N, C-alpha and C. Protein backbone atom coordinates (compact mmCIF):
# COMPACT_ATOMS: atom_id res chain seq x y z
N MET A 1 0.84 -1.18 0.00
CA MET A 1 0.00 0.00 0.00
C MET A 1 0.89 1.25 0.00
N LYS A 2 0.54 2.22 -0.79
CA LYS A 2 1.31 3.46 -0.91
C LYS A 2 0.64 4.54 -0.06
N ALA A 3 1.45 5.27 0.69
CA ALA A 3 0.92 6.37 1.52
C ALA A 3 0.40 7.48 0.62
N SER A 4 -0.71 8.08 0.99
CA SER A 4 -1.23 9.19 0.20
C SER A 4 -0.66 10.50 0.72
N LYS A 5 -0.30 11.31 -0.21
CA LYS A 5 0.32 12.59 0.15
C LYS A 5 0.07 13.54 -1.01
N ASN A 6 -0.21 14.78 -0.70
CA ASN A 6 -0.44 15.77 -1.75
C ASN A 6 0.26 17.06 -1.36
N ASP A 7 1.42 17.29 -1.97
CA ASP A 7 2.21 18.48 -1.64
C ASP A 7 1.46 19.77 -1.94
N LYS A 8 0.59 19.77 -2.94
CA LYS A 8 -0.14 20.99 -3.28
C LYS A 8 -1.12 21.36 -2.17
N THR A 9 -1.85 20.38 -1.64
CA THR A 9 -2.80 20.69 -0.57
C THR A 9 -2.11 20.87 0.77
N ASP A 10 -0.87 20.40 0.89
CA ASP A 10 -0.11 20.58 2.13
C ASP A 10 0.61 21.93 2.15
N ASN A 11 0.39 22.77 1.13
CA ASN A 11 0.99 24.11 1.02
C ASN A 11 2.51 24.08 1.06
N LYS A 12 3.09 23.10 0.44
CA LYS A 12 4.55 23.01 0.37
C LYS A 12 5.05 23.88 -0.78
N ILE A 13 6.24 24.43 -0.61
CA ILE A 13 6.85 25.24 -1.67
C ILE A 13 7.15 24.33 -2.86
N PRO A 14 6.70 24.68 -4.07
CA PRO A 14 6.92 23.83 -5.25
C PRO A 14 8.34 23.96 -5.79
N LEU A 15 9.29 23.35 -5.11
CA LEU A 15 10.71 23.49 -5.48
C LEU A 15 11.05 22.82 -6.81
N GLU A 16 10.13 22.05 -7.37
CA GLU A 16 10.40 21.44 -8.66
C GLU A 16 10.53 22.49 -9.77
N PHE A 17 10.08 23.72 -9.50
CA PHE A 17 10.17 24.79 -10.48
C PHE A 17 11.46 25.63 -10.33
N LEU A 18 12.27 25.30 -9.37
CA LEU A 18 13.51 26.04 -9.12
C LEU A 18 14.47 25.86 -10.29
N GLU A 19 14.92 26.97 -10.86
CA GLU A 19 15.86 26.94 -11.98
C GLU A 19 17.27 27.13 -11.45
N LEU A 20 18.06 26.07 -11.49
CA LEU A 20 19.40 26.11 -10.89
C LEU A 20 20.36 27.02 -11.63
N ASP A 21 20.17 27.21 -12.95
CA ASP A 21 21.06 28.11 -13.69
C ASP A 21 20.96 29.53 -13.14
N GLY A 22 19.73 29.99 -12.91
CA GLY A 22 19.53 31.33 -12.36
C GLY A 22 20.03 31.44 -10.94
N ILE A 23 19.82 30.42 -10.14
CA ILE A 23 20.28 30.43 -8.74
C ILE A 23 21.80 30.48 -8.69
N ALA A 24 22.46 29.74 -9.57
CA ALA A 24 23.92 29.71 -9.58
C ALA A 24 24.50 31.10 -9.84
N GLU A 25 23.92 31.81 -10.82
CA GLU A 25 24.41 33.16 -11.12
C GLU A 25 24.18 34.10 -9.94
N MET A 26 23.02 33.99 -9.31
CA MET A 26 22.72 34.84 -8.16
C MET A 26 23.68 34.52 -7.01
N CYS A 27 23.98 33.24 -6.79
CA CYS A 27 24.90 32.87 -5.70
C CYS A 27 26.31 33.41 -5.94
N LYS A 28 26.74 33.44 -7.19
CA LYS A 28 28.05 34.03 -7.50
C LYS A 28 28.08 35.50 -7.12
N VAL A 29 26.98 36.22 -7.39
CA VAL A 29 26.91 37.64 -7.04
C VAL A 29 26.88 37.81 -5.52
N PHE A 30 26.12 36.96 -4.81
CA PHE A 30 26.11 37.02 -3.35
C PHE A 30 27.52 36.78 -2.79
N ALA A 31 28.27 35.84 -3.37
CA ALA A 31 29.65 35.58 -2.91
C ALA A 31 30.53 36.79 -3.16
N PHE A 32 30.37 37.45 -4.32
CA PHE A 32 31.11 38.67 -4.63
C PHE A 32 30.80 39.75 -3.58
N GLY A 33 29.52 39.92 -3.27
CA GLY A 33 29.10 40.92 -2.27
C GLY A 33 29.62 40.59 -0.89
N ALA A 34 29.65 39.32 -0.51
CA ALA A 34 30.17 38.92 0.80
C ALA A 34 31.64 39.26 0.92
N GLU A 35 32.37 39.09 -0.17
CA GLU A 35 33.80 39.42 -0.19
C GLU A 35 34.01 40.94 -0.12
N LYS A 36 33.20 41.68 -0.85
CA LYS A 36 33.34 43.14 -0.93
C LYS A 36 32.86 43.84 0.35
N TYR A 37 31.73 43.39 0.90
CA TYR A 37 31.12 44.07 2.05
C TYR A 37 31.24 43.22 3.32
N SER A 38 30.52 42.16 3.40
CA SER A 38 30.58 41.12 4.44
C SER A 38 29.33 40.27 4.26
N ALA A 39 29.44 39.01 4.59
CA ALA A 39 28.32 38.09 4.39
C ALA A 39 27.12 38.52 5.22
N GLY A 40 25.96 38.61 4.58
CA GLY A 40 24.72 38.92 5.27
C GLY A 40 24.56 40.36 5.71
N ASN A 41 25.47 41.26 5.30
CA ASN A 41 25.35 42.65 5.75
C ASN A 41 24.03 43.29 5.30
N TYR A 42 23.47 42.80 4.23
CA TYR A 42 22.21 43.36 3.72
C TYR A 42 21.03 43.05 4.64
N PHE A 43 21.19 42.10 5.58
CA PHE A 43 20.11 41.82 6.54
C PHE A 43 19.73 43.08 7.31
N LEU A 44 20.68 43.99 7.48
CA LEU A 44 20.46 45.20 8.28
C LEU A 44 19.50 46.17 7.61
N GLY A 45 19.29 46.02 6.32
CA GLY A 45 18.28 46.83 5.64
C GLY A 45 18.84 47.92 4.75
N HIS A 46 18.06 48.26 3.76
CA HIS A 46 18.33 49.36 2.83
C HIS A 46 17.00 50.03 2.53
N GLU A 47 17.08 51.19 1.93
CA GLU A 47 15.89 51.79 1.38
C GLU A 47 15.46 50.93 0.19
N GLN A 48 14.18 50.68 0.07
CA GLN A 48 13.69 49.83 -1.01
C GLN A 48 14.03 50.40 -2.38
N THR A 49 13.94 51.72 -2.53
CA THR A 49 14.21 52.32 -3.84
C THR A 49 15.65 52.12 -4.27
N ARG A 50 16.56 52.02 -3.30
CA ARG A 50 17.98 51.79 -3.65
C ARG A 50 18.15 50.42 -4.30
N LEU A 51 17.53 49.38 -3.71
CA LEU A 51 17.63 48.04 -4.28
C LEU A 51 16.88 47.93 -5.60
N LEU A 52 15.71 48.56 -5.68
CA LEU A 52 14.94 48.53 -6.92
C LEU A 52 15.70 49.23 -8.05
N ALA A 53 16.30 50.37 -7.74
CA ALA A 53 17.06 51.11 -8.76
C ALA A 53 18.27 50.31 -9.23
N ALA A 54 18.96 49.65 -8.31
CA ALA A 54 20.12 48.83 -8.68
C ALA A 54 19.68 47.68 -9.59
N ALA A 55 18.58 47.02 -9.23
CA ALA A 55 18.07 45.92 -10.07
C ALA A 55 17.73 46.44 -11.46
N MET A 56 17.07 47.60 -11.53
CA MET A 56 16.68 48.16 -12.83
C MET A 56 17.91 48.56 -13.66
N ARG A 57 18.95 49.11 -13.00
CA ARG A 57 20.17 49.46 -13.76
C ARG A 57 20.78 48.22 -14.39
N HIS A 58 20.82 47.12 -13.64
CA HIS A 58 21.37 45.88 -14.19
C HIS A 58 20.50 45.33 -15.33
N LEU A 59 19.19 45.42 -15.18
CA LEU A 59 18.29 44.95 -16.24
C LEU A 59 18.42 45.81 -17.49
N LEU A 60 18.55 47.13 -17.29
CA LEU A 60 18.71 48.02 -18.45
C LEU A 60 20.05 47.79 -19.16
N ALA A 61 21.11 47.53 -18.38
CA ALA A 61 22.40 47.24 -19.00
C ALA A 61 22.31 45.96 -19.83
N TYR A 62 21.64 44.96 -19.28
CA TYR A 62 21.45 43.71 -20.02
C TYR A 62 20.61 43.94 -21.27
N GLN A 63 19.52 44.68 -21.12
CA GLN A 63 18.66 44.97 -22.27
C GLN A 63 19.43 45.73 -23.34
N GLY A 64 20.39 46.56 -22.93
CA GLY A 64 21.20 47.32 -23.87
C GLY A 64 22.32 46.52 -24.52
N GLY A 65 22.39 45.23 -24.21
CA GLY A 65 23.37 44.37 -24.88
C GLY A 65 24.59 44.02 -24.05
N GLU A 66 24.68 44.51 -22.83
CA GLU A 66 25.84 44.21 -21.97
C GLU A 66 25.48 43.02 -21.07
N ASP A 67 26.16 41.90 -21.25
CA ASP A 67 25.86 40.70 -20.47
C ASP A 67 26.49 40.72 -19.08
N LEU A 68 27.73 41.24 -19.00
CA LEU A 68 28.48 41.15 -17.75
C LEU A 68 28.68 42.52 -17.11
N ASP A 69 28.57 42.56 -15.80
CA ASP A 69 28.84 43.78 -15.03
C ASP A 69 30.34 44.06 -15.09
N PRO A 70 30.75 45.27 -15.47
CA PRO A 70 32.18 45.57 -15.62
C PRO A 70 32.99 45.43 -14.32
N GLU A 71 32.38 45.74 -13.17
CA GLU A 71 33.11 45.67 -11.90
C GLU A 71 33.33 44.23 -11.44
N SER A 72 32.28 43.43 -11.44
CA SER A 72 32.38 42.08 -10.89
C SER A 72 32.74 41.02 -11.93
N GLY A 73 32.43 41.31 -13.20
CA GLY A 73 32.61 40.30 -14.25
C GLY A 73 31.53 39.24 -14.23
N LEU A 74 30.50 39.45 -13.42
CA LEU A 74 29.38 38.51 -13.30
C LEU A 74 28.19 39.05 -14.09
N THR A 75 27.20 38.20 -14.31
CA THR A 75 26.08 38.58 -15.17
C THR A 75 25.22 39.68 -14.53
N HIS A 76 24.73 40.56 -15.38
CA HIS A 76 23.78 41.58 -14.93
C HIS A 76 22.50 40.94 -14.41
N LEU A 77 22.07 39.84 -15.04
CA LEU A 77 20.86 39.17 -14.59
C LEU A 77 21.04 38.61 -13.17
N GLY A 78 22.21 38.07 -12.87
CA GLY A 78 22.50 37.59 -11.52
C GLY A 78 22.49 38.72 -10.50
N HIS A 79 23.02 39.88 -10.91
CA HIS A 79 23.00 41.06 -10.02
C HIS A 79 21.57 41.52 -9.76
N ALA A 80 20.74 41.55 -10.80
CA ALA A 80 19.35 41.97 -10.63
C ALA A 80 18.60 41.00 -9.71
N GLN A 81 18.81 39.69 -9.91
CA GLN A 81 18.19 38.70 -9.03
C GLN A 81 18.62 38.91 -7.58
N CYS A 82 19.88 39.20 -7.40
CA CYS A 82 20.44 39.42 -6.06
C CYS A 82 19.75 40.61 -5.38
N CYS A 83 19.59 41.69 -6.10
CA CYS A 83 18.94 42.88 -5.54
C CYS A 83 17.52 42.56 -5.09
N LEU A 84 16.79 41.83 -5.91
CA LEU A 84 15.40 41.49 -5.57
C LEU A 84 15.34 40.48 -4.42
N ALA A 85 16.28 39.55 -4.37
CA ALA A 85 16.33 38.59 -3.27
C ALA A 85 16.66 39.30 -1.95
N MET A 86 17.56 40.29 -2.00
CA MET A 86 17.88 41.05 -0.79
C MET A 86 16.66 41.83 -0.31
N LEU A 87 15.93 42.43 -1.23
CA LEU A 87 14.72 43.17 -0.87
C LEU A 87 13.70 42.23 -0.23
N GLN A 88 13.51 41.05 -0.82
CA GLN A 88 12.56 40.08 -0.28
C GLN A 88 12.98 39.65 1.13
N LYS A 89 14.26 39.42 1.35
CA LYS A 89 14.76 39.00 2.67
C LYS A 89 14.56 40.12 3.69
N GLN A 90 14.88 41.35 3.31
CA GLN A 90 14.71 42.47 4.23
C GLN A 90 13.25 42.68 4.60
N LYS A 91 12.35 42.49 3.65
CA LYS A 91 10.93 42.60 3.96
C LYS A 91 10.52 41.52 4.96
N ALA A 92 11.04 40.31 4.78
CA ALA A 92 10.72 39.22 5.70
C ALA A 92 11.28 39.48 7.10
N LEU A 93 12.46 40.10 7.17
CA LEU A 93 13.09 40.40 8.46
C LEU A 93 12.52 41.66 9.11
N GLY A 94 11.85 42.49 8.32
CA GLY A 94 11.35 43.75 8.85
C GLY A 94 12.39 44.85 8.87
N THR A 95 13.49 44.68 8.11
CA THR A 95 14.55 45.69 8.09
C THR A 95 14.50 46.56 6.84
N SER A 96 13.61 46.24 5.92
CA SER A 96 13.47 47.01 4.69
C SER A 96 12.87 48.37 5.02
N ILE A 97 13.47 49.43 4.49
CA ILE A 97 12.96 50.78 4.72
C ILE A 97 12.12 51.17 3.50
N ASP A 98 10.82 51.26 3.69
CA ASP A 98 9.92 51.53 2.59
C ASP A 98 9.90 53.02 2.27
N ASP A 99 10.76 53.42 1.34
CA ASP A 99 10.83 54.82 0.94
C ASP A 99 10.24 55.04 -0.45
N ARG A 100 9.41 54.08 -0.89
CA ARG A 100 8.75 54.26 -2.18
C ARG A 100 7.89 55.52 -2.11
N ILE A 101 7.88 56.25 -3.19
CA ILE A 101 7.10 57.49 -3.23
C ILE A 101 5.68 57.14 -3.65
N THR A 102 4.74 57.40 -2.75
CA THR A 102 3.33 57.15 -3.03
C THR A 102 2.56 58.43 -2.78
N LEU A 103 1.34 58.49 -3.28
CA LEU A 103 0.51 59.67 -3.11
C LEU A 103 0.28 59.98 -1.63
N ASP A 104 0.01 58.95 -0.82
CA ASP A 104 -0.19 59.16 0.62
C ASP A 104 1.03 59.80 1.27
N LYS A 105 2.22 59.32 0.89
CA LYS A 105 3.44 59.87 1.48
C LYS A 105 3.69 61.30 1.03
N VAL A 106 3.42 61.59 -0.24
CA VAL A 106 3.62 62.95 -0.74
C VAL A 106 2.67 63.91 -0.03
N ARG A 107 1.45 63.45 0.19
CA ARG A 107 0.47 64.27 0.91
C ARG A 107 0.77 64.36 2.40
N GLY A 108 1.59 63.41 2.90
CA GLY A 108 1.93 63.42 4.32
C GLY A 108 0.84 62.85 5.19
N GLU A 109 -0.08 62.08 4.61
CA GLU A 109 -1.18 61.53 5.39
C GLU A 109 -0.66 60.55 6.42
N GLY A 110 -1.06 60.77 7.67
CA GLY A 110 -0.68 59.86 8.75
C GLY A 110 0.71 60.08 9.30
N GLU A 111 1.44 61.01 8.75
CA GLU A 111 2.81 61.26 9.22
C GLU A 111 2.83 62.47 10.16
N ALA A 112 3.54 62.34 11.25
CA ALA A 112 3.66 63.43 12.21
C ALA A 112 4.87 64.29 11.86
N ASP A 113 4.84 65.57 12.27
CA ASP A 113 5.96 66.47 11.99
C ASP A 113 7.17 66.12 12.86
N GLU A 114 6.94 65.83 14.11
CA GLU A 114 8.02 65.51 15.05
C GLU A 114 7.94 64.03 15.42
N PRO A 115 9.09 63.38 15.62
CA PRO A 115 9.05 61.98 16.04
C PRO A 115 8.27 61.83 17.36
N ARG A 116 7.39 60.82 17.40
CA ARG A 116 6.60 60.57 18.60
C ARG A 116 7.41 59.86 19.68
N LEU A 117 8.35 59.03 19.26
CA LEU A 117 9.15 58.26 20.20
C LEU A 117 10.56 58.85 20.27
N LYS A 118 11.25 58.56 21.34
CA LYS A 118 12.62 59.06 21.53
C LYS A 118 13.57 57.87 21.67
N ILE A 119 14.81 58.06 21.20
CA ILE A 119 15.82 57.03 21.33
C ILE A 119 16.02 56.70 22.81
N GLY A 120 16.09 55.41 23.10
CA GLY A 120 16.29 54.94 24.47
C GLY A 120 15.01 54.60 25.20
N GLU A 121 13.86 55.03 24.69
CA GLU A 121 12.60 54.69 25.34
C GLU A 121 12.29 53.21 25.14
N LEU A 122 11.62 52.60 26.14
CA LEU A 122 11.26 51.19 26.10
C LEU A 122 9.75 51.05 25.97
N TYR A 123 9.32 50.09 25.14
CA TYR A 123 7.90 49.85 24.93
C TYR A 123 7.62 48.36 24.88
N LEU A 124 6.56 47.95 25.59
CA LEU A 124 6.04 46.60 25.49
C LEU A 124 5.04 46.60 24.34
N VAL A 125 5.21 45.66 23.39
CA VAL A 125 4.26 45.52 22.30
C VAL A 125 3.13 44.61 22.81
N GLU A 126 2.03 45.24 23.23
CA GLU A 126 0.90 44.49 23.80
C GLU A 126 0.14 43.73 22.72
N SER A 127 -0.14 44.37 21.61
CA SER A 127 -0.80 43.70 20.50
C SER A 127 -0.50 44.45 19.22
N ILE A 128 -0.83 43.82 18.10
CA ILE A 128 -0.47 44.34 16.78
C ILE A 128 -1.64 44.14 15.83
N ASP A 129 -1.97 45.18 15.07
CA ASP A 129 -2.88 45.04 13.94
C ASP A 129 -1.98 44.86 12.72
N GLU A 130 -1.81 43.61 12.29
CA GLU A 130 -0.83 43.30 11.25
C GLU A 130 -1.21 43.83 9.88
N SER A 131 -2.42 44.36 9.72
CA SER A 131 -2.82 44.91 8.41
C SER A 131 -2.00 46.15 8.06
N GLY A 132 -1.34 46.75 9.04
CA GLY A 132 -0.54 47.94 8.78
C GLY A 132 0.89 47.64 8.36
N PHE A 133 1.25 46.36 8.24
CA PHE A 133 2.61 45.97 7.91
C PHE A 133 2.62 45.06 6.69
N ASP A 134 3.65 45.21 5.84
CA ASP A 134 3.76 44.34 4.68
C ASP A 134 4.77 43.23 4.93
N TYR A 135 5.04 42.93 6.20
CA TYR A 135 5.90 41.82 6.59
C TYR A 135 5.36 41.24 7.89
N ASP A 136 5.82 40.04 8.25
CA ASP A 136 5.34 39.36 9.45
C ASP A 136 5.99 39.98 10.68
N ILE A 137 5.17 40.56 11.53
CA ILE A 137 5.66 41.22 12.74
C ILE A 137 5.12 40.54 13.99
N SER A 138 4.44 39.40 13.81
CA SER A 138 3.76 38.74 14.92
C SER A 138 4.69 38.35 16.06
N SER A 139 5.97 38.08 15.77
CA SER A 139 6.90 37.67 16.82
C SER A 139 7.22 38.80 17.80
N ALA A 140 6.87 40.04 17.47
CA ALA A 140 7.14 41.17 18.36
C ALA A 140 6.16 41.24 19.53
N LYS A 141 5.02 40.59 19.40
CA LYS A 141 3.98 40.67 20.43
C LYS A 141 4.49 40.11 21.76
N GLY A 142 4.26 40.89 22.82
CA GLY A 142 4.64 40.47 24.16
C GLY A 142 6.09 40.75 24.53
N LYS A 143 6.85 41.35 23.62
CA LYS A 143 8.26 41.64 23.88
C LYS A 143 8.45 43.13 24.16
N VAL A 144 9.54 43.43 24.87
CA VAL A 144 9.89 44.82 25.14
C VAL A 144 10.95 45.24 24.13
N PHE A 145 10.72 46.40 23.50
CA PHE A 145 11.63 46.93 22.50
C PHE A 145 12.12 48.31 22.92
N GLU A 146 13.36 48.59 22.53
CA GLU A 146 13.95 49.91 22.76
C GLU A 146 14.02 50.64 21.43
N VAL A 147 13.71 51.93 21.44
CA VAL A 147 13.89 52.74 20.24
C VAL A 147 15.40 52.95 20.10
N SER A 148 16.02 52.26 19.13
CA SER A 148 17.48 52.29 19.03
C SER A 148 17.98 53.23 17.94
N GLU A 149 17.11 53.63 17.03
CA GLU A 149 17.54 54.52 15.95
C GLU A 149 16.31 55.21 15.37
N ILE A 150 16.47 56.46 14.96
CA ILE A 150 15.41 57.19 14.29
C ILE A 150 15.99 57.78 13.01
N GLN A 151 15.33 57.52 11.89
CA GLN A 151 15.75 58.10 10.62
C GLN A 151 14.64 59.02 10.13
N GLU A 152 14.99 60.28 9.94
CA GLU A 152 14.03 61.24 9.41
C GLU A 152 14.33 61.44 7.93
N LEU A 153 13.49 60.83 7.09
CA LEU A 153 13.65 60.91 5.65
C LEU A 153 12.63 61.90 5.10
N SER A 154 12.79 62.27 3.85
CA SER A 154 11.87 63.24 3.25
C SER A 154 10.44 62.70 3.20
N ILE A 155 10.30 61.39 3.22
CA ILE A 155 8.97 60.80 3.13
C ILE A 155 8.41 60.39 4.49
N GLY A 156 9.13 60.65 5.56
CA GLY A 156 8.60 60.34 6.88
C GLY A 156 9.67 59.89 7.87
N VAL A 157 9.22 59.63 9.08
CA VAL A 157 10.11 59.22 10.17
C VAL A 157 10.05 57.70 10.31
N TYR A 158 11.22 57.07 10.46
CA TYR A 158 11.32 55.63 10.65
C TYR A 158 12.00 55.36 11.99
N TYR A 159 11.44 54.41 12.74
CA TYR A 159 11.98 54.02 14.04
C TYR A 159 12.53 52.59 13.96
N LYS A 160 13.74 52.41 14.46
CA LYS A 160 14.27 51.05 14.59
C LYS A 160 13.98 50.62 16.02
N MET A 161 13.20 49.53 16.16
CA MET A 161 12.81 49.01 17.45
C MET A 161 13.60 47.73 17.69
N SER A 162 14.50 47.74 18.70
CA SER A 162 15.36 46.59 18.99
C SER A 162 14.90 45.93 20.28
N GLU A 163 14.86 44.60 20.26
CA GLU A 163 14.44 43.86 21.44
C GLU A 163 15.35 44.20 22.60
N PHE A 164 14.76 44.48 23.75
CA PHE A 164 15.50 44.93 24.92
C PHE A 164 15.94 43.72 25.74
N GLY A 165 17.15 43.80 26.26
CA GLY A 165 17.67 42.75 27.14
C GLY A 165 18.90 42.10 26.55
N GLU A 166 19.38 41.08 27.24
CA GLU A 166 20.58 40.37 26.82
C GLU A 166 20.17 39.20 25.93
N HIS A 167 20.23 39.41 24.63
CA HIS A 167 19.85 38.38 23.68
C HIS A 167 21.01 38.17 22.71
N LYS A 168 21.25 36.90 22.35
CA LYS A 168 22.30 36.61 21.39
C LYS A 168 21.99 37.23 20.03
N ASP A 169 20.78 37.01 19.56
CA ASP A 169 20.33 37.57 18.28
C ASP A 169 19.01 38.31 18.52
N PRO A 170 19.08 39.56 18.99
CA PRO A 170 17.84 40.26 19.32
C PRO A 170 17.01 40.55 18.07
N ASP A 171 15.70 40.46 18.23
CA ASP A 171 14.78 40.82 17.15
C ASP A 171 14.78 42.33 17.00
N PHE A 172 14.52 42.82 15.80
CA PHE A 172 14.29 44.24 15.60
C PHE A 172 13.45 44.42 14.35
N PHE A 173 12.81 45.56 14.27
CA PHE A 173 12.02 45.90 13.10
C PHE A 173 12.01 47.40 12.94
N TRP A 174 11.65 47.86 11.75
CA TRP A 174 11.49 49.28 11.46
C TRP A 174 10.01 49.58 11.41
N ALA A 175 9.60 50.71 11.95
CA ALA A 175 8.20 51.14 11.89
C ALA A 175 8.14 52.61 11.53
N THR A 176 7.20 52.97 10.67
CA THR A 176 6.98 54.37 10.32
C THR A 176 6.04 55.00 11.35
N GLU A 177 5.92 56.31 11.28
CA GLU A 177 4.94 57.00 12.14
C GLU A 177 3.56 56.40 11.91
N LYS A 178 3.22 56.17 10.65
CA LYS A 178 1.90 55.62 10.32
C LYS A 178 1.73 54.22 10.91
N GLN A 179 2.78 53.41 10.86
CA GLN A 179 2.69 52.05 11.38
C GLN A 179 2.57 52.02 12.90
N LEU A 180 3.04 53.07 13.58
CA LEU A 180 2.87 53.12 15.04
C LEU A 180 1.40 53.06 15.41
N ASN A 181 0.53 53.54 14.51
CA ASN A 181 -0.91 53.49 14.76
C ASN A 181 -1.45 52.07 14.79
N TYR A 182 -0.68 51.10 14.29
CA TYR A 182 -1.10 49.70 14.26
C TYR A 182 -0.46 48.88 15.38
N LEU A 183 0.37 49.53 16.19
CA LEU A 183 1.00 48.87 17.34
C LEU A 183 0.37 49.39 18.62
N TYR A 184 0.05 48.50 19.53
CA TYR A 184 -0.48 48.89 20.82
C TYR A 184 0.67 48.76 21.81
N LEU A 185 1.26 49.93 22.12
CA LEU A 185 2.48 49.98 22.92
C LEU A 185 2.18 50.47 24.34
N GLU A 186 2.89 49.89 25.29
CA GLU A 186 2.84 50.36 26.67
C GLU A 186 4.25 50.80 27.03
N LYS A 187 4.41 52.08 27.39
CA LYS A 187 5.72 52.60 27.73
C LYS A 187 6.19 51.97 29.03
N LYS A 188 7.47 51.57 29.07
CA LYS A 188 8.07 50.94 30.24
C LYS A 188 9.21 51.81 30.75
N GLU A 189 9.43 51.75 32.03
CA GLU A 189 10.53 52.49 32.66
C GLU A 189 11.53 51.50 33.23
N LEU A 190 12.81 51.82 33.15
CA LEU A 190 13.84 50.97 33.79
C LEU A 190 13.74 51.16 35.30
N ARG A 191 13.85 50.08 36.06
CA ARG A 191 13.76 50.17 37.51
C ARG A 191 15.10 50.03 38.14
């Protein structure tokens, strides 16, 4: 008797569609970047428009007939894949800085003039309305975070919230002024 199993109904990733030629080129670019910068440095986050622009420059160079990037000697297509993979990873980690220009941002809807939070303040994340985030932030619930960095960009204020305490790999995420409206925070004081 054969066991019944259906990967499609089990919501498994359909890895049979993975194209190894494309992955190999992307991995070569990641290795080049690890040597030039450091392995995994992109986990810390970038502005989304920076990664999108880099991917588009590589695609345009390829479309214009240039197969290889002059600096690395690797394919432009591998570089473009790398940029998009980094963006996807940063979104999953919550380190991606969403600086895309949208009508809401240009109008300033939901954005405050002055930062609401201050560096060094501690907040317990009591609950989260995840509809305000384009990445999974559920692991932040019930944890205490410190405002560790504030970036004031032309499109709004961004807060880096780092898990407070002695942790080997502390969680952190970026939140905009608008996204603070989706977090139910309780201010904490050090005793």
